[in-house]
């Protein structure tokens, strides 16, 4: 793990098990209202990380990418979590018609894939995780944008 300052770290993830281990560490630090952006190419590990966090919180059901539904709600460890995949989000009208704005109530925890497709519609991320596909494994750049995000990173 590389940590040049308290708001950004870089983690090499040589395999899926390393991604799951990161997910377990992150899951232990989630707080209601947190917003986590997940960025990277298709197949980079975004949904794997979410699945790992949910499993670490005790969720035993199936976790899939909400590519077509745009959002999947989960409840685990007394927390309400929302997994958004905005890859197919067309426009602000679709966002508003779905009532997604109401989800951001300060209590739900959000994992948002493809956040750039909803700029101006979603809150700032506490943490942004950008995955890069490497010849062998992945790299995760984790950036904290808020004090809550910095506290999370500090505890990783």
N, C-alpha and C. Protein backbone atom coordinates (compact mmCIF):
# COMPACT_ATOMS: atom_id res chain seq x y z
N UNK A 1 0.84 -1.17 0.00
CA UNK A 1 0.00 0.00 0.00
C UNK A 1 0.89 1.23 0.00
N UNK A 2 0.55 2.17 -0.82
CA UNK A 2 1.30 3.42 -0.94
C UNK A 2 0.43 4.55 -0.41
N UNK A 3 0.96 5.37 0.47
CA UNK A 3 0.16 6.45 1.06
C UNK A 3 0.94 7.76 1.08
N UNK A 4 0.86 8.55 -0.01
CA UNK A 4 1.58 9.82 -0.03
C UNK A 4 0.98 10.87 0.90
N UNK A 5 -0.29 10.79 1.21
CA UNK A 5 -0.92 11.72 2.16
C UNK A 5 -2.15 11.06 2.75
N UNK A 6 -2.85 11.78 3.62
CA UNK A 6 -3.98 11.16 4.30
C UNK A 6 -5.26 11.13 3.48
N UNK A 7 -5.22 11.60 2.23
CA UNK A 7 -6.43 11.58 1.43
C UNK A 7 -6.32 10.73 0.16
N UNK A 8 -5.21 10.02 -0.01
CA UNK A 8 -5.07 9.19 -1.21
C UNK A 8 -4.14 8.01 -0.92
N UNK A 9 -4.59 6.81 -1.32
CA UNK A 9 -3.72 5.65 -1.24
C UNK A 9 -3.85 4.85 -2.53
N UNK A 10 -2.83 4.09 -2.82
CA UNK A 10 -2.81 3.22 -3.98
C UNK A 10 -2.55 1.80 -3.48
N UNK A 11 -3.37 0.86 -3.95
CA UNK A 11 -3.25 -0.52 -3.50
C UNK A 11 -3.17 -1.43 -4.72
N UNK A 12 -2.16 -2.29 -4.74
CA UNK A 12 -2.05 -3.31 -5.78
C UNK A 12 -2.93 -4.48 -5.41
N UNK A 13 -3.73 -4.92 -6.35
CA UNK A 13 -4.64 -6.05 -6.13
C UNK A 13 -4.28 -7.15 -7.14
N UNK A 14 -3.40 -8.06 -6.76
CA UNK A 14 -2.92 -9.06 -7.72
C UNK A 14 -3.97 -10.06 -8.17
N UNK A 15 -5.04 -10.23 -7.37
CA UNK A 15 -6.07 -11.19 -7.75
C UNK A 15 -7.39 -10.84 -7.07
N UNK A 16 -8.42 -11.64 -7.34
CA UNK A 16 -9.74 -11.37 -6.78
C UNK A 16 -9.72 -11.45 -5.25
N UNK A 17 -8.92 -12.35 -4.70
CA UNK A 17 -8.84 -12.46 -3.24
C UNK A 17 -8.34 -11.17 -2.61
N UNK A 18 -7.43 -10.48 -3.27
CA UNK A 18 -6.93 -9.20 -2.76
C UNK A 18 -8.02 -8.14 -2.81
N UNK A 19 -8.85 -8.18 -3.84
CA UNK A 19 -9.98 -7.25 -3.94
C UNK A 19 -10.98 -7.51 -2.82
N UNK A 20 -11.24 -8.79 -2.54
CA UNK A 20 -12.15 -9.16 -1.46
C UNK A 20 -11.58 -8.72 -0.10
N UNK A 21 -10.27 -8.88 0.08
CA UNK A 21 -9.64 -8.45 1.34
C UNK A 21 -9.78 -6.94 1.53
N UNK A 22 -9.60 -6.16 0.46
CA UNK A 22 -9.81 -4.72 0.53
C UNK A 22 -11.26 -4.42 0.87
N UNK A 23 -12.18 -5.14 0.24
CA UNK A 23 -13.61 -4.94 0.50
C UNK A 23 -13.94 -5.18 1.98
N UNK A 24 -13.33 -6.21 2.56
CA UNK A 24 -13.59 -6.50 3.98
C UNK A 24 -13.09 -5.37 4.87
N UNK A 25 -11.93 -4.82 4.55
CA UNK A 25 -11.40 -3.70 5.34
C UNK A 25 -12.28 -2.46 5.20
N UNK A 26 -12.74 -2.20 3.98
CA UNK A 26 -13.62 -1.05 3.76
C UNK A 26 -14.96 -1.23 4.45
N UNK A 27 -15.53 -2.42 4.37
CA UNK A 27 -16.85 -2.69 4.96
C UNK A 27 -16.87 -2.38 6.44
N UNK A 28 -15.78 -2.66 7.12
CA UNK A 28 -15.71 -2.43 8.57
C UNK A 28 -15.72 -0.94 8.91
N UNK A 29 -15.53 -0.09 7.91
CA UNK A 29 -15.43 1.34 8.16
C UNK A 29 -16.59 2.16 7.56
N UNK A 30 -17.57 1.48 7.02
CA UNK A 30 -18.71 2.18 6.42
C UNK A 30 -19.57 2.83 7.49
N UNK A 31 -20.08 4.01 7.13
CA UNK A 31 -20.96 4.76 8.03
C UNK A 31 -22.19 5.22 7.24
N UNK A 32 -23.36 5.28 7.91
CA UNK A 32 -24.56 5.76 7.21
C UNK A 32 -24.31 7.10 6.54
N UNK A 33 -24.84 7.22 5.33
CA UNK A 33 -24.71 8.45 4.55
C UNK A 33 -23.49 8.49 3.64
N UNK A 34 -22.57 7.53 3.77
CA UNK A 34 -21.36 7.56 2.94
C UNK A 34 -21.70 7.35 1.46
N UNK A 35 -20.95 8.04 0.62
CA UNK A 35 -21.07 7.92 -0.82
C UNK A 35 -19.71 7.49 -1.35
N UNK A 36 -19.69 6.37 -2.07
CA UNK A 36 -18.45 5.83 -2.62
C UNK A 36 -18.61 5.71 -4.13
N UNK A 37 -17.77 6.44 -4.87
CA UNK A 37 -17.75 6.32 -6.32
C UNK A 37 -16.80 5.20 -6.70
N UNK A 38 -17.22 4.39 -7.67
CA UNK A 38 -16.40 3.30 -8.20
C UNK A 38 -16.19 3.54 -9.68
N UNK A 39 -14.93 3.71 -10.06
CA UNK A 39 -14.62 4.03 -11.45
C UNK A 39 -13.63 3.03 -12.02
N UNK A 40 -13.70 2.85 -13.31
CA UNK A 40 -12.79 1.94 -14.01
C UNK A 40 -13.52 1.28 -15.17
N UNK A 41 -12.75 0.68 -16.04
CA UNK A 41 -13.32 0.03 -17.22
C UNK A 41 -14.22 -1.13 -16.84
N UNK A 42 -15.02 -1.58 -17.79
CA UNK A 42 -15.83 -2.78 -17.59
C UNK A 42 -14.91 -3.93 -17.20
N UNK A 43 -15.30 -4.68 -16.18
CA UNK A 43 -14.50 -5.82 -15.74
C UNK A 43 -13.32 -5.47 -14.85
N UNK A 44 -13.26 -4.23 -14.36
CA UNK A 44 -12.11 -3.80 -13.57
C UNK A 44 -12.18 -4.24 -12.11
N UNK A 45 -13.37 -4.61 -11.63
CA UNK A 45 -13.48 -5.07 -10.25
C UNK A 45 -14.44 -4.28 -9.38
N UNK A 46 -15.21 -3.38 -9.97
CA UNK A 46 -16.11 -2.54 -9.19
C UNK A 46 -17.18 -3.36 -8.47
N UNK A 47 -17.87 -4.21 -9.21
CA UNK A 47 -18.92 -5.03 -8.61
C UNK A 47 -18.33 -6.07 -7.67
N UNK A 48 -17.17 -6.59 -7.97
CA UNK A 48 -16.50 -7.55 -7.08
C UNK A 48 -16.24 -6.89 -5.73
N UNK A 49 -15.82 -5.63 -5.73
CA UNK A 49 -15.58 -4.92 -4.48
C UNK A 49 -16.88 -4.75 -3.70
N UNK A 50 -17.96 -4.36 -4.37
CA UNK A 50 -19.25 -4.19 -3.70
C UNK A 50 -19.71 -5.53 -3.14
N UNK A 51 -19.62 -6.59 -3.93
CA UNK A 51 -20.01 -7.92 -3.47
C UNK A 51 -19.22 -8.30 -2.21
N UNK A 52 -17.92 -8.03 -2.22
CA UNK A 52 -17.08 -8.34 -1.07
C UNK A 52 -17.47 -7.55 0.17
N UNK A 53 -17.82 -6.26 -0.01
CA UNK A 53 -18.25 -5.46 1.13
C UNK A 53 -19.57 -5.97 1.70
N UNK A 54 -20.52 -6.27 0.83
CA UNK A 54 -21.81 -6.77 1.29
C UNK A 54 -21.65 -8.11 2.00
N UNK A 55 -20.86 -9.00 1.44
CA UNK A 55 -20.62 -10.30 2.09
C UNK A 55 -19.95 -10.12 3.44
N UNK A 56 -19.00 -9.17 3.53
CA UNK A 56 -18.32 -8.90 4.80
C UNK A 56 -19.29 -8.38 5.86
N UNK A 57 -20.35 -7.71 5.41
CA UNK A 57 -21.37 -7.21 6.33
C UNK A 57 -22.41 -8.27 6.69
N UNK A 58 -22.26 -9.46 6.11
CA UNK A 58 -23.16 -10.55 6.43
C UNK A 58 -24.27 -10.79 5.44
N UNK A 59 -24.28 -10.06 4.33
CA UNK A 59 -25.32 -10.28 3.32
C UNK A 59 -25.04 -11.60 2.61
N UNK A 60 -26.01 -12.50 2.62
CA UNK A 60 -25.80 -13.82 2.04
C UNK A 60 -26.45 -14.04 0.69
N UNK A 61 -27.19 -13.06 0.21
CA UNK A 61 -27.89 -13.20 -1.06
C UNK A 61 -26.98 -12.95 -2.26
N UNK A 62 -27.58 -13.02 -3.42
CA UNK A 62 -26.85 -12.80 -4.66
C UNK A 62 -26.60 -11.30 -4.84
N UNK A 63 -25.39 -10.95 -5.23
CA UNK A 63 -25.02 -9.56 -5.51
C UNK A 63 -24.61 -9.51 -6.97
N UNK A 64 -25.37 -8.73 -7.74
CA UNK A 64 -25.05 -8.61 -9.17
C UNK A 64 -24.99 -7.14 -9.53
N UNK A 65 -24.35 -6.88 -10.64
CA UNK A 65 -24.27 -5.50 -11.11
C UNK A 65 -25.66 -5.05 -11.55
N UNK A 66 -26.10 -3.89 -11.07
CA UNK A 66 -27.42 -3.39 -11.46
C UNK A 66 -27.39 -2.63 -12.80
N UNK A 67 -26.72 -3.19 -13.77
CA UNK A 67 -26.55 -2.53 -15.06
C UNK A 67 -27.88 -2.16 -15.70
N UNK A 68 -28.86 -3.04 -15.62
CA UNK A 68 -30.14 -2.76 -16.29
C UNK A 68 -31.17 -2.14 -15.36
N UNK A 69 -31.09 -2.42 -14.07
CA UNK A 69 -32.05 -1.85 -13.12
C UNK A 69 -31.57 -0.50 -12.59
N UNK A 70 -30.32 -0.18 -12.77
CA UNK A 70 -29.64 1.03 -12.32
C UNK A 70 -29.35 1.04 -10.82
N UNK A 71 -30.20 0.42 -10.01
CA UNK A 71 -29.93 0.38 -8.57
C UNK A 71 -30.43 -0.94 -7.98
N UNK A 72 -29.67 -1.45 -7.02
CA UNK A 72 -30.08 -2.61 -6.24
C UNK A 72 -29.97 -2.23 -4.76
N UNK A 73 -31.05 -2.37 -3.99
CA UNK A 73 -30.99 -2.07 -2.56
C UNK A 73 -30.59 -3.31 -1.76
N UNK A 74 -29.88 -3.11 -0.67
CA UNK A 74 -29.47 -4.19 0.21
C UNK A 74 -29.62 -3.72 1.65
N UNK A 75 -29.80 -4.68 2.56
CA UNK A 75 -29.81 -4.40 3.99
C UNK A 75 -28.91 -5.44 4.63
N UNK A 76 -27.90 -4.97 5.35
CA UNK A 76 -26.97 -5.88 6.02
C UNK A 76 -26.36 -5.16 7.21
N UNK A 77 -26.16 -5.91 8.29
CA UNK A 77 -25.53 -5.39 9.51
C UNK A 77 -26.22 -4.12 10.02
N UNK A 78 -27.54 -4.05 9.84
CA UNK A 78 -28.29 -2.88 10.28
C UNK A 78 -28.14 -1.67 9.39
N UNK A 79 -27.50 -1.84 8.24
CA UNK A 79 -27.25 -0.73 7.31
C UNK A 79 -28.10 -0.89 6.06
N UNK A 80 -28.55 0.24 5.51
CA UNK A 80 -29.22 0.25 4.21
C UNK A 80 -28.21 0.71 3.18
N UNK A 81 -28.03 -0.12 2.18
CA UNK A 81 -27.02 0.14 1.15
C UNK A 81 -27.67 0.17 -0.21
N UNK A 82 -27.15 1.01 -1.09
CA UNK A 82 -27.65 1.11 -2.45
C UNK A 82 -26.47 0.98 -3.41
N UNK A 83 -26.60 0.07 -4.35
CA UNK A 83 -25.57 -0.14 -5.37
C UNK A 83 -26.11 0.37 -6.70
N UNK A 84 -25.58 1.49 -7.15
CA UNK A 84 -25.98 2.08 -8.42
C UNK A 84 -24.97 1.71 -9.50
N UNK A 85 -25.46 1.38 -10.67
CA UNK A 85 -24.63 1.23 -11.86
C UNK A 85 -25.24 2.16 -12.90
N UNK A 86 -24.60 3.29 -13.13
CA UNK A 86 -25.17 4.33 -13.99
C UNK A 86 -24.65 4.29 -15.42
N UNK A 87 -24.07 3.14 -15.80
CA UNK A 87 -23.51 2.99 -17.15
C UNK A 87 -24.56 3.29 -18.22
N UNK A 88 -25.80 2.88 -18.00
CA UNK A 88 -26.85 3.05 -19.00
C UNK A 88 -27.80 4.22 -18.72
N UNK A 89 -27.47 5.03 -17.71
CA UNK A 89 -28.31 6.20 -17.43
C UNK A 89 -28.29 7.14 -18.63
N UNK A 90 -29.47 7.49 -19.11
CA UNK A 90 -29.55 8.30 -20.33
C UNK A 90 -29.51 9.79 -20.06
N UNK A 91 -30.27 10.25 -19.05
CA UNK A 91 -30.32 11.69 -18.83
C UNK A 91 -30.94 12.01 -17.47
N UNK A 92 -30.98 13.29 -17.16
CA UNK A 92 -31.51 13.75 -15.88
C UNK A 92 -32.99 13.40 -15.73
N UNK A 93 -33.74 13.41 -16.82
CA UNK A 93 -35.17 13.08 -16.74
C UNK A 93 -35.37 11.65 -16.26
N UNK A 94 -34.55 10.73 -16.75
CA UNK A 94 -34.64 9.33 -16.31
C UNK A 94 -34.33 9.23 -14.81
N UNK A 95 -33.32 9.96 -14.37
CA UNK A 95 -32.93 9.98 -12.95
C UNK A 95 -34.10 10.47 -12.09
N UNK A 96 -34.68 11.60 -12.49
CA UNK A 96 -35.77 12.20 -11.72
C UNK A 96 -37.01 11.30 -11.73
N UNK A 97 -37.35 10.74 -12.88
CA UNK A 97 -38.54 9.89 -12.99
C UNK A 97 -38.42 8.64 -12.11
N UNK A 98 -37.21 8.16 -11.92
CA UNK A 98 -36.99 6.96 -11.09
C UNK A 98 -37.03 7.28 -9.60
N UNK A 99 -37.00 8.56 -9.25
CA UNK A 99 -37.04 8.96 -7.85
C UNK A 99 -35.75 8.71 -7.09
N UNK A 100 -34.65 8.60 -7.81
CA UNK A 100 -33.37 8.29 -7.16
C UNK A 100 -32.92 9.37 -6.18
N UNK A 101 -33.27 10.61 -6.43
CA UNK A 101 -32.85 11.69 -5.54
C UNK A 101 -33.30 11.42 -4.10
N UNK A 102 -34.47 10.79 -3.95
CA UNK A 102 -35.01 10.50 -2.62
C UNK A 102 -34.17 9.48 -1.85
N UNK A 103 -33.37 8.70 -2.54
CA UNK A 103 -32.52 7.70 -1.89
C UNK A 103 -31.44 8.35 -1.04
N UNK A 104 -31.03 9.55 -1.41
CA UNK A 104 -29.93 10.24 -0.73
C UNK A 104 -30.47 10.99 0.49
N UNK A 105 -30.73 10.20 1.54
CA UNK A 105 -31.41 10.72 2.72
C UNK A 105 -30.48 10.86 3.93
N UNK A 106 -29.19 10.69 3.72
CA UNK A 106 -28.25 10.80 4.82
C UNK A 106 -28.10 9.53 5.63
N UNK A 107 -28.90 8.52 5.35
CA UNK A 107 -28.84 7.26 6.08
C UNK A 107 -28.29 6.13 5.21
N UNK A 108 -28.69 6.09 3.95
CA UNK A 108 -28.24 5.03 3.05
C UNK A 108 -26.75 5.17 2.75
N UNK A 109 -26.11 4.05 2.50
CA UNK A 109 -24.72 4.03 2.03
C UNK A 109 -24.77 3.74 0.54
N UNK A 110 -23.97 4.48 -0.24
CA UNK A 110 -24.04 4.37 -1.69
C UNK A 110 -22.73 3.90 -2.30
N UNK A 111 -22.86 2.91 -3.17
CA UNK A 111 -21.76 2.50 -4.06
C UNK A 111 -22.23 2.88 -5.45
N UNK A 112 -21.52 3.78 -6.11
CA UNK A 112 -22.00 4.30 -7.39
C UNK A 112 -20.96 4.04 -8.48
N UNK A 113 -21.31 3.11 -9.39
CA UNK A 113 -20.48 2.85 -10.56
C UNK A 113 -20.88 3.83 -11.65
N UNK A 114 -19.92 4.30 -12.41
CA UNK A 114 -20.11 5.26 -13.50
C UNK A 114 -20.74 6.56 -13.00
N UNK A 115 -20.20 7.16 -11.94
CA UNK A 115 -20.80 8.39 -11.39
C UNK A 115 -20.76 9.56 -12.36
N UNK A 116 -19.84 9.53 -13.29
CA UNK A 116 -19.74 10.64 -14.25
C UNK A 116 -21.00 10.78 -15.09
N UNK A 117 -21.82 9.73 -15.17
CA UNK A 117 -23.07 9.80 -15.94
C UNK A 117 -24.18 10.50 -15.19
N UNK A 118 -23.93 10.89 -13.93
CA UNK A 118 -24.93 11.59 -13.14
C UNK A 118 -24.34 12.83 -12.48
N UNK A 119 -23.36 13.43 -13.13
CA UNK A 119 -22.76 14.64 -12.56
C UNK A 119 -23.83 15.69 -12.33
N UNK A 120 -23.75 16.32 -11.15
CA UNK A 120 -24.72 17.33 -10.80
C UNK A 120 -26.01 16.78 -10.21
N UNK A 121 -26.18 15.45 -10.25
CA UNK A 121 -27.39 14.82 -9.71
C UNK A 121 -27.13 14.09 -8.39
N UNK A 122 -25.89 13.69 -8.19
CA UNK A 122 -25.54 12.91 -7.00
C UNK A 122 -24.59 13.72 -6.11
N UNK A 123 -24.57 13.41 -4.82
CA UNK A 123 -23.68 14.13 -3.92
C UNK A 123 -22.21 13.81 -4.20
N UNK A 124 -21.36 14.67 -3.70
CA UNK A 124 -19.92 14.43 -3.78
C UNK A 124 -19.60 13.12 -3.06
N UNK A 125 -18.62 12.41 -3.56
CA UNK A 125 -18.20 11.17 -2.94
C UNK A 125 -17.36 11.45 -1.70
N UNK A 126 -17.59 10.65 -0.66
CA UNK A 126 -16.67 10.67 0.47
C UNK A 126 -15.37 10.00 0.04
N UNK A 127 -15.52 8.93 -0.74
CA UNK A 127 -14.37 8.17 -1.23
C UNK A 127 -14.59 7.86 -2.71
N UNK A 128 -13.54 8.03 -3.49
CA UNK A 128 -13.54 7.61 -4.90
C UNK A 128 -12.51 6.50 -5.05
N UNK A 129 -12.94 5.40 -5.65
CA UNK A 129 -12.03 4.28 -5.90
C UNK A 129 -11.96 4.08 -7.41
N UNK A 130 -10.77 4.22 -7.96
CA UNK A 130 -10.56 4.05 -9.39
C UNK A 130 -9.72 2.82 -9.61
N UNK A 131 -10.27 1.88 -10.36
CA UNK A 131 -9.58 0.63 -10.68
C UNK A 131 -8.89 0.75 -12.03
N UNK A 132 -7.68 0.24 -12.08
CA UNK A 132 -6.93 0.17 -13.33
C UNK A 132 -6.58 -1.30 -13.57
N UNK A 133 -6.91 -1.79 -14.75
CA UNK A 133 -6.57 -3.16 -15.11
C UNK A 133 -5.10 -3.20 -15.52
N UNK A 134 -4.34 -4.05 -14.87
CA UNK A 134 -2.91 -4.22 -15.14
C UNK A 134 -2.70 -5.55 -15.87
N UNK A 135 -1.51 -5.78 -16.44
CA UNK A 135 -1.25 -7.08 -17.07
C UNK A 135 -1.48 -8.25 -16.09
N UNK A 136 -1.20 -8.01 -14.81
CA UNK A 136 -1.43 -9.02 -13.79
C UNK A 136 -2.16 -8.37 -12.62
N UNK A 137 -3.48 -8.50 -12.59
CA UNK A 137 -4.26 -7.95 -11.50
C UNK A 137 -4.79 -6.56 -11.77
N UNK A 138 -4.98 -5.83 -10.69
CA UNK A 138 -5.55 -4.49 -10.75
C UNK A 138 -4.79 -3.57 -9.81
N UNK A 139 -4.98 -2.29 -10.01
CA UNK A 139 -4.53 -1.29 -9.05
C UNK A 139 -5.76 -0.48 -8.66
N UNK A 140 -5.87 -0.18 -7.37
CA UNK A 140 -6.97 0.65 -6.88
C UNK A 140 -6.40 1.92 -6.29
N UNK A 141 -6.79 3.04 -6.85
CA UNK A 141 -6.45 4.36 -6.30
C UNK A 141 -7.66 4.79 -5.48
N UNK A 142 -7.44 5.05 -4.21
CA UNK A 142 -8.53 5.45 -3.33
C UNK A 142 -8.27 6.87 -2.87
N UNK A 143 -9.23 7.73 -3.13
CA UNK A 143 -9.10 9.14 -2.81
C UNK A 143 -10.24 9.55 -1.89
N UNK A 144 -9.91 10.21 -0.79
CA UNK A 144 -10.91 10.72 0.15
C UNK A 144 -11.17 12.19 -0.14
N UNK A 145 -12.44 12.54 -0.27
CA UNK A 145 -12.83 13.92 -0.56
C UNK A 145 -13.38 14.66 0.64
N UNK A 146 -13.74 13.93 1.70
CA UNK A 146 -14.36 14.54 2.86
C UNK A 146 -13.64 14.07 4.12
N UNK A 147 -13.98 14.68 5.23
CA UNK A 147 -13.40 14.25 6.50
C UNK A 147 -13.79 12.81 6.81
N UNK A 148 -15.04 12.44 6.52
CA UNK A 148 -15.48 11.06 6.73
C UNK A 148 -14.63 10.11 5.89
N UNK A 149 -14.38 10.49 4.64
CA UNK A 149 -13.54 9.67 3.77
C UNK A 149 -12.12 9.56 4.28
N UNK A 150 -11.57 10.68 4.78
CA UNK A 150 -10.19 10.65 5.31
C UNK A 150 -10.09 9.75 6.53
N UNK A 151 -11.10 9.79 7.39
CA UNK A 151 -11.09 8.91 8.57
C UNK A 151 -11.15 7.45 8.14
N UNK A 152 -11.91 7.15 7.13
CA UNK A 152 -11.99 5.79 6.61
C UNK A 152 -10.64 5.33 6.10
N UNK A 153 -9.99 6.17 5.29
CA UNK A 153 -8.67 5.81 4.74
C UNK A 153 -7.62 5.66 5.83
N UNK A 154 -7.69 6.53 6.81
CA UNK A 154 -6.71 6.49 7.89
C UNK A 154 -6.79 5.15 8.62
N UNK A 155 -7.98 4.58 8.70
CA UNK A 155 -8.18 3.32 9.42
C UNK A 155 -7.93 2.09 8.57
N UNK A 156 -7.71 2.28 7.27
CA UNK A 156 -7.43 1.13 6.40
C UNK A 156 -6.05 0.61 6.75
